[in-house]
Amino acid sequence: GITIMSGATTAEWRLHQIKIIATPGPFDFTVVVERSLRVLDGTVAVFCAKGGVEPQSETVWSQAEKYGVPRMAYVNKMDILGADFYNVISMIETRLGANALPVQLPIGAEDTFIGIVDLIDMHAIMYDTGDKTGAEFEIVEIPEDLKAKAEEYHSKIVEAVAETDDALMEKYFEGEALTKEEIMAGLRKLTIAGTVVPICCGSSYRNKGV
């Protein structure tokens, strides 16, 4: 079925209480989404890996702009026929005018979607293809055929973060590596300011990337 009203739940994460509100997707319930956006600290916009940015996505995005709500995006359904992560990134940039900054890359697509590259820790998360729950995975080195692309996108993250602080910029130009903590703090600052939109990916149905 479809969601026709917002649902709320609470989760505990690292000694923090996170309140999650899931809003309806259909156009008829846009006003319900707007009510939720008035009180949210941040949003996760979910895009289909095949459909990408749809008309309703644009409506909700403009509502989030209106209320100044920081956004990140999750490209879902990486395992379905026609899934194209990079096309969704392009649509987010061209149709929503957002500065999309992937923090993950998919390993494979459609029926060959088997894992995710973490562009901050620079390792790969590979899922057990025989496990349908997504609970079994291992952290391994980035596959050889994705190393160059991972380095390219990692550099984009580091460059964006370096621009948030003079000391980091100096460190960057001197060729020093930024620490994970510096990258995370810089990403947080950029996201809250609405300067960038971090992008993650996965397959929720199979708990991959969730």
C-alpha atoms as a PDB file:
ATOM      1  CA  GLY A   1       0.000   0.000   0.000  1.00  0.00           C
ATOM      2  CA  ILE A   2       0.962   3.652   0.316  1.00  0.00           C
ATOM      3  CA  THR A   3       1.691   5.868   3.302  1.00  0.00           C
ATOM      4  CA  ILE A   4      -1.048   8.475   3.842  1.00  0.00           C
ATOM      5  CA  MET A   5       0.081   9.975   7.160  1.00  0.00           C
ATOM      6  CA  SER A   6       3.371  10.544   8.952  1.00  0.00           C
ATOM      7  CA  GLY A   7       4.603   7.866  11.318  1.00  0.00           C
ATOM      8  CA  ALA A   8       7.083   8.475  14.134  1.00  0.00           C
ATOM      9  CA  THR A   9       9.484   6.251  15.999  1.00  0.00           C
ATOM     10  CA  THR A  10      12.460   6.694  18.321  1.00  0.00           C
ATOM     11  CA  ALA A  11      15.856   5.033  18.314  1.00  0.00           C
ATOM     12  CA  GLU A  12      18.866   5.174  20.612  1.00  0.00           C
ATOM     13  CA  TRP A  13      22.234   5.791  18.917  1.00  0.00           C
ATOM     14  CA  ARG A  14      25.517   6.427  20.740  1.00  0.00           C
ATOM     15  CA  LEU A  15      23.769   7.804  23.825  1.00  0.00           C
ATOM     16  CA  HIS A  16      21.578  10.059  21.681  1.00  0.00           C
ATOM     17  CA  GLN A  17      17.835   9.789  21.235  1.00  0.00           C
ATOM     18  CA  ILE A  18      16.937  10.019  17.539  1.00  0.00           C
ATOM     19  CA  LYS A  19      13.352  10.757  16.581  1.00  0.00           C
ATOM     20  CA  ILE A  20      12.481   9.546  13.084  1.00  0.00           C
ATOM     21  CA  ILE A  21       9.430  10.744  11.165  1.00  0.00           C
ATOM     22  CA  ALA A  22       8.499   8.885   7.975  1.00  0.00           C
ATOM     23  CA  THR A  23       6.367  11.040   5.690  1.00  0.00           C
ATOM     24  CA  PRO A  24       3.989  10.033   2.851  1.00  0.00           C
ATOM     25  CA  GLY A  25       5.290   9.961  -0.730  1.00  0.00           C
ATOM     26  CA  PRO A  26       2.112  10.497  -2.826  1.00  0.00           C
ATOM     27  CA  PHE A  27       1.403  14.017  -4.093  1.00  0.00           C
ATOM     28  CA  ASP A  28      -2.047  14.088  -2.421  1.00  0.00           C
ATOM     29  CA  PHE A  29      -0.411  14.235   1.015  1.00  0.00           C
ATOM     30  CA  THR A  30       2.116  17.013   0.420  1.00  0.00           C
ATOM     31  CA  VAL A  31       0.603  19.104   3.224  1.00  0.00           C
ATOM     32  CA  VAL A  32       1.411  16.296   5.705  1.00  0.00           C
ATOM     33  CA  VAL A  33       5.051  16.401   4.590  1.00  0.00           C
ATOM     34  CA  GLU A  34       5.149  20.182   5.019  1.00  0.00           C
ATOM     35  CA  ARG A  35       3.898  19.911   8.607  1.00  0.00           C
ATOM     36  CA  SER A  36       6.729  17.506   9.417  1.00  0.00           C
ATOM     37  CA  LEU A  37       9.378  19.653   7.725  1.00  0.00           C
ATOM     38  CA  ARG A  38       8.527  22.529  10.068  1.00  0.00           C
ATOM     39  CA  VAL A  39       9.897  20.586  13.054  1.00  0.00           C
ATOM     40  CA  LEU A  40      12.689  18.435  11.590  1.00  0.00           C
ATOM     41  CA  ASP A  41      16.401  18.995  12.257  1.00  0.00           C
ATOM     42  CA  GLY A  42      17.341  17.220   9.035  1.00  0.00           C
ATOM     43  CA  THR A  43      15.954  14.995   6.314  1.00  0.00           C
ATOM     44  CA  VAL A  44      16.940  11.905   4.372  1.00  0.00           C
ATOM     45  CA  ALA A  45      15.484  12.127   0.871  1.00  0.00           C
ATOM     46  CA  VAL A  46      14.976   8.636  -0.559  1.00  0.00           C
ATOM     47  CA  PHE A  47      15.352   8.219  -4.326  1.00  0.00           C
ATOM     48  CA  CYS A  48      14.719   5.137  -6.439  1.00  0.00           C
ATOM     49  CA  ALA A  49      17.887   4.001  -8.244  1.00  0.00           C
ATOM     50  CA  LYS A  50      15.833   3.563 -11.406  1.00  0.00           C
ATOM     51  CA  GLY A  51      13.336   6.471 -11.280  1.00  0.00           C
ATOM     52  CA  GLY A  52      15.673   9.015  -9.680  1.00  0.00           C
ATOM     53  CA  VAL A  53      14.220  12.502  -9.162  1.00  0.00           C
ATOM     54  CA  GLU A  54      10.453  12.352  -9.696  1.00  0.00           C
ATOM     55  CA  PRO A  55       7.983  15.292  -9.716  1.00  0.00           C
ATOM     56  CA  GLN A  56       7.048  14.712  -6.076  1.00  0.00           C
ATOM     57  CA  SER A  57      10.756  14.660  -5.163  1.00  0.00           C
ATOM     58  CA  GLU A  58      11.048  18.187  -6.536  1.00  0.00           C
ATOM     59  CA  THR A  59       8.014  19.361  -4.536  1.00  0.00           C
ATOM     60  CA  VAL A  60       9.329  17.991  -1.242  1.00  0.00           C
ATOM     61  CA  TRP A  61      12.837  19.285  -1.985  1.00  0.00           C
ATOM     62  CA  SER A  62      11.535  22.820  -2.506  1.00  0.00           C
ATOM     63  CA  GLN A  63       9.576  22.534   0.768  1.00  0.00           C
ATOM     64  CA  ALA A  64      12.793  21.572   2.569  1.00  0.00           C
ATOM     65  CA  GLU A  65      14.506  24.569   0.945  1.00  0.00           C
ATOM     66  CA  LYS A  66      11.680  26.806   2.154  1.00  0.00           C
ATOM     67  CA  TYR A  67      12.182  25.746   5.783  1.00  0.00           C
ATOM     68  CA  GLY A  68      15.983  25.567   5.569  1.00  0.00           C
ATOM     69  CA  VAL A  69      16.118  21.892   6.503  1.00  0.00           C
ATOM     70  CA  PRO A  70      19.526  20.221   5.939  1.00  0.00           C
ATOM     71  CA  ARG A  71      19.345  17.229   3.585  1.00  0.00           C
ATOM     72  CA  MET A  72      21.157  14.064   2.723  1.00  0.00           C
ATOM     73  CA  ALA A  73      20.031  11.539   0.124  1.00  0.00           C
ATOM     74  CA  TYR A  74      19.759   7.754  -0.003  1.00  0.00           C
ATOM     75  CA  VAL A  75      19.607   6.029  -3.397  1.00  0.00           C
ATOM     76  CA  ASN A  76      17.487   2.949  -2.732  1.00  0.00           C
ATOM     77  CA  LYS A  77      16.718  -0.174  -4.806  1.00  0.00           C
ATOM     78  CA  MET A  78      20.231  -0.577  -6.171  1.00  0.00           C
ATOM     79  CA  ASP A  79      19.336  -4.224  -6.840  1.00  0.00           C
ATOM     80  CA  ILE A  80      16.432  -3.626  -9.263  1.00  0.00           C
ATOM     81  CA  LEU A  81      16.519  -3.749 -13.055  1.00  0.00           C
ATOM     82  CA  GLY A  82      17.545  -0.378 -14.470  1.00  0.00           C
ATOM     83  CA  ALA A  83      19.322   0.817 -11.293  1.00  0.00           C
ATOM     84  CA  ASP A  84      21.832   3.568 -12.129  1.00  0.00           C
ATOM     85  CA  PHE A  85      23.434   5.337  -9.155  1.00  0.00           C
ATOM     86  CA  TYR A  86      25.374   7.853 -11.253  1.00  0.00           C
ATOM     87  CA  ASN A  87      22.315   8.859 -13.259  1.00  0.00           C
ATOM     88  CA  VAL A  88      20.451   9.630  -9.992  1.00  0.00           C
ATOM     89  CA  ILE A  89      23.400  11.776  -8.857  1.00  0.00           C
ATOM     90  CA  SER A  90      23.218  13.680 -12.151  1.00  0.00           C
ATOM     91  CA  MET A  91      19.445  14.188 -11.756  1.00  0.00           C
ATOM     92  CA  ILE A  92      19.860  15.473  -8.189  1.00  0.00           C
ATOM     93  CA  GLU A  93      22.355  18.046  -9.470  1.00  0.00           C
ATOM     94  CA  THR A  94      20.491  19.146 -12.591  1.00  0.00           C
ATOM     95  CA  ARG A  95      16.850  18.950 -11.494  1.00  0.00           C
ATOM     96  CA  LEU A  96      17.219  19.909  -7.837  1.00  0.00           C
ATOM     97  CA  GLY A  97      20.226  22.207  -8.206  1.00  0.00           C
ATOM     98  CA  ALA A  98      21.929  20.448  -5.311  1.00  0.00           C
ATOM     99  CA  ASN A  99      25.648  19.958  -4.781  1.00  0.00           C
ATOM    100  CA  ALA A 100      25.565  16.151  -4.564  1.00  0.00           C
ATOM    101  CA  LEU A 101      28.528  14.659  -2.709  1.00  0.00           C
ATOM    102  CA  PRO A 102      28.575  10.827  -2.661  1.00  0.00           C
ATOM    103  CA  VAL A 103      30.014   9.391   0.556  1.00  0.00           C
ATOM    104  CA  GLN A 104      29.419   5.846  -0.722  1.00  0.00           C
ATOM    105  CA  LEU A 105      29.637   4.166  -4.126  1.00  0.00           C
ATOM    106  CA  PRO A 106      27.790   0.983  -5.083  1.00  0.00           C
ATOM    107  CA  ILE A 107      29.676  -2.166  -6.007  1.00  0.00           C
ATOM    108  CA  GLY A 108      27.689  -3.495  -8.926  1.00  0.00           C
ATOM    109  CA  ALA A 109      24.040  -2.798  -9.789  1.00  0.00           C
ATOM    110  CA  GLU A 110      20.818  -4.707 -10.428  1.00  0.00           C
ATOM    111  CA  ASP A 111      21.422  -8.425  -9.725  1.00  0.00           C
ATOM    112  CA  THR A 112      25.180  -7.820  -9.355  1.00  0.00           C
ATOM    113  CA  PHE A 113      24.811  -5.293  -6.500  1.00  0.00           C
ATOM    114  CA  ILE A 114      26.982  -6.942  -3.848  1.00  0.00           C
ATOM    115  CA  GLY A 115      28.369  -4.148  -1.710  1.00  0.00           C
ATOM    116  CA  ILE A 116      29.297  -0.540  -1.039  1.00  0.00           C
ATOM    117  CA  VAL A 117      32.495   1.487  -1.065  1.00  0.00           C
ATOM    118  CA  ASP A 118      32.824   3.683   2.035  1.00  0.00           C
ATOM    119  CA  LEU A 119      34.497   6.854   0.726  1.00  0.00           C
ATOM    120  CA  ILE A 120      35.382   8.166   4.183  1.00  0.00           C
ATOM    121  CA  ASP A 121      37.070   5.072   5.663  1.00  0.00           C
ATOM    122  CA  MET A 122      38.125   4.017   2.128  1.00  0.00           C
ATOM    123  CA  HIS A 123      37.186   0.373   2.392  1.00  0.00           C
ATOM    124  CA  ALA A 124      34.513  -1.857   0.903  1.00  0.00           C
ATOM    125  CA  ILE A 125      31.557  -3.489   2.646  1.00  0.00           C
ATOM    126  CA  MET A 126      30.737  -6.757   0.877  1.00  0.00           C
ATOM    127  CA  TYR A 127      27.475  -8.563   1.604  1.00  0.00           C
ATOM    128  CA  ASP A 128      27.047 -12.328   1.708  1.00  0.00           C
ATOM    129  CA  THR A 129      25.037 -13.098  -1.438  1.00  0.00           C
ATOM    130  CA  GLY A 130      23.488 -16.154   0.212  1.00  0.00           C
ATOM    131  CA  ASP A 131      22.135 -14.122   3.154  1.00  0.00           C
ATOM    132  CA  LYS A 132      18.839 -12.398   2.301  1.00  0.00           C
ATOM    133  CA  THR A 133      18.729 -10.371   5.541  1.00  0.00           C
ATOM    134  CA  GLY A 134      21.811  -8.245   4.893  1.00  0.00           C
ATOM    135  CA  ALA A 135      23.140  -9.149   8.339  1.00  0.00           C
ATOM    136  CA  GLU A 136      26.221 -10.959   7.032  1.00  0.00           C
ATOM    137  CA  PHE A 137      28.927  -8.734   5.559  1.00  0.00           C
ATOM    138  CA  GLU A 138      32.648  -8.210   5.723  1.00  0.00           C
ATOM    139  CA  ILE A 139      34.909  -5.201   5.432  1.00  0.00           C
ATOM    140  CA  VAL A 140      37.518  -5.677   2.730  1.00  0.00           C
ATOM    141  CA  GLU A 141      39.774  -3.690   0.425  1.00  0.00           C
ATOM    142  CA  ILE A 142      38.141  -1.697  -2.371  1.00  0.00           C
ATOM    143  CA  PRO A 143      37.910  -3.829  -5.551  1.00  0.00           C
ATOM    144  CA  GLU A 144      40.708  -3.074  -8.018  1.00  0.00           C
ATOM    145  CA  ASP A 145      38.346  -1.870 -10.759  1.00  0.00           C
ATOM    146  CA  LEU A 146      36.812   0.723  -8.402  1.00  0.00           C
ATOM    147  CA  LYS A 147      39.967   2.079  -6.753  1.00  0.00           C
ATOM    148  CA  ALA A 148      40.508   4.945  -9.199  1.00  0.00           C
ATOM    149  CA  LYS A 149      36.868   6.035  -9.013  1.00  0.00           C
ATOM    150  CA  ALA A 150      36.910   5.772  -5.198  1.00  0.00           C
ATOM    151  CA  GLU A 151      40.026   7.950  -5.033  1.00  0.00           C
ATOM    152  CA  GLU A 152      38.387  10.493  -7.338  1.00  0.00           C
ATOM    153  CA  TYR A 153      35.251  10.778  -5.199  1.00  0.00           C
ATOM    154  CA  HIS A 154      37.225  10.694  -1.931  1.00  0.00           C
ATOM    155  CA  SER A 155      39.256  13.648  -3.215  1.00  0.00           C
ATOM    156  CA  LYS A 156      36.040  15.574  -3.865  1.00  0.00           C
ATOM    157  CA  ILE A 157      34.981  15.043  -0.233  1.00  0.00           C
ATOM    158  CA  VAL A 158      38.391  16.108   1.116  1.00  0.00           C
ATOM    159  CA  GLU A 159      38.460  19.187  -1.130  1.00  0.00           C
ATOM    160  CA  ALA A 160      34.955  20.245  -0.041  1.00  0.00           C
ATOM    161  CA  VAL A 161      35.834  19.757   3.640  1.00  0.00           C
ATOM    162  CA  ALA A 162      39.147  21.633   3.312  1.00  0.00           C
ATOM    163  CA  GLU A 163      37.269  24.707   2.094  1.00  0.00           C
ATOM    164  CA  THR A 164      35.370  24.932   5.403  1.00  0.00           C
ATOM    165  CA  ASP A 165      38.394  25.917   7.462  1.00  0.00           C
ATOM    166  CA  ASP A 166      41.625  27.853   6.810  1.00  0.00           C
ATOM    167  CA  ALA A 167      43.730  25.427   8.850  1.00  0.00           C
ATOM    168  CA  LEU A 168      42.333  22.467   6.913  1.00  0.00           C
ATOM    169  CA  MET A 169      42.884  24.273   3.629  1.00  0.00           C
ATOM    170  CA  GLU A 170      46.521  24.871   4.556  1.00  0.00           C
ATOM    171  CA  LYS A 171      46.895  21.224   5.538  1.00  0.00           C
ATOM    172  CA  TYR A 172      45.299  20.152   2.248  1.00  0.00           C
ATOM    173  CA  PHE A 173      47.592  22.320   0.112  1.00  0.00           C
ATOM    174  CA  GLU A 174      50.627  21.017   1.983  1.00  0.00           C
ATOM    175  CA  GLY A 175      49.643  17.501   0.937  1.00  0.00           C
ATOM    176  CA  GLU A 176      48.778  16.283   4.435  1.00  0.00           C
ATOM    177  CA  ALA A 177      45.937  13.784   4.791  1.00  0.00           C
ATOM    178  CA  LEU A 178      42.863  14.981   6.688  1.00  0.00           C
ATOM    179  CA  THR A 179      41.822  12.741   9.570  1.00  0.00           C
ATOM    180  CA  LYS A 180      38.501  10.925   9.600  1.00  0.00           C
ATOM    181  CA  GLU A 181      37.347  13.186  12.445  1.00  0.00           C
ATOM    182  CA  GLU A 182      38.182  16.316  10.425  1.00  0.00           C
ATOM    183  CA  ILE A 183      36.341  14.950   7.385  1.00  0.00           C
ATOM    184  CA  MET A 184      33.245  14.025   9.425  1.00  0.00           C
ATOM    185  CA  ALA A 185      33.168  17.391  11.210  1.00  0.00           C
ATOM    186  CA  GLY A 186      33.569  19.244   7.916  1.00  0.00           C
ATOM    187  CA  LEU A 187      30.835  17.190   6.240  1.00  0.00           C
ATOM    188  CA  ARG A 188      28.505  17.926   9.126  1.00  0.00           C
ATOM    189  CA  LYS A 189      29.180  21.649   8.823  1.00  0.00           C
ATOM    190  CA  LEU A 190      28.613  21.617   5.043  1.00  0.00           C
ATOM    191  CA  THR A 191      25.411  19.579   5.352  1.00  0.00           C
ATOM    192  CA  ILE A 192      23.876  21.785   8.045  1.00  0.00           C
ATOM    193  CA  ALA A 193      24.717  24.863   5.963  1.00  0.00           C
ATOM    194  CA  GLY A 194      23.024  23.260   2.950  1.00  0.00           C
ATOM    195  CA  THR A 195      26.209  23.637   0.931  1.00  0.00           C
ATOM    196  CA  VAL A 196      26.390  19.941   0.048  1.00  0.00           C
ATOM    197  CA  VAL A 197      24.058  16.944   0.049  1.00  0.00           C
ATOM    198  CA  PRO A 198      25.832  13.720   1.115  1.00  0.00           C
ATOM    199  CA  ILE A 199      24.669  10.704  -0.910  1.00  0.00           C
ATOM    200  CA  CYS A 200      24.456   7.104   0.318  1.00  0.00           C
ATOM    201  CA  CYS A 201      23.133   4.027  -1.456  1.00  0.00           C
ATOM    202  CA  GLY A 202      21.755   0.549  -0.839  1.00  0.00           C
ATOM    203  CA  SER A 203      18.818  -1.808  -1.066  1.00  0.00           C
ATOM    204  CA  SER A 204      16.450  -1.386   1.872  1.00  0.00           C
ATOM    205  CA  TYR A 205      14.417  -4.477   0.995  1.00  0.00           C
ATOM    206  CA  ARG A 206      17.539  -6.600   1.427  1.00  0.00           C
ATOM    207  CA  ASN A 207      18.996  -4.499   4.300  1.00  0.00           C
ATOM    208  CA  LYS A 208      22.093  -3.677   2.261  1.00  0.00           C
ATOM    209  CA  GLY A 209      23.448  -0.232   3.061  1.00  0.00           C
ATOM    210  CA  VAL A 210      20.788   0.469   5.682  1.00  0.00           C
END
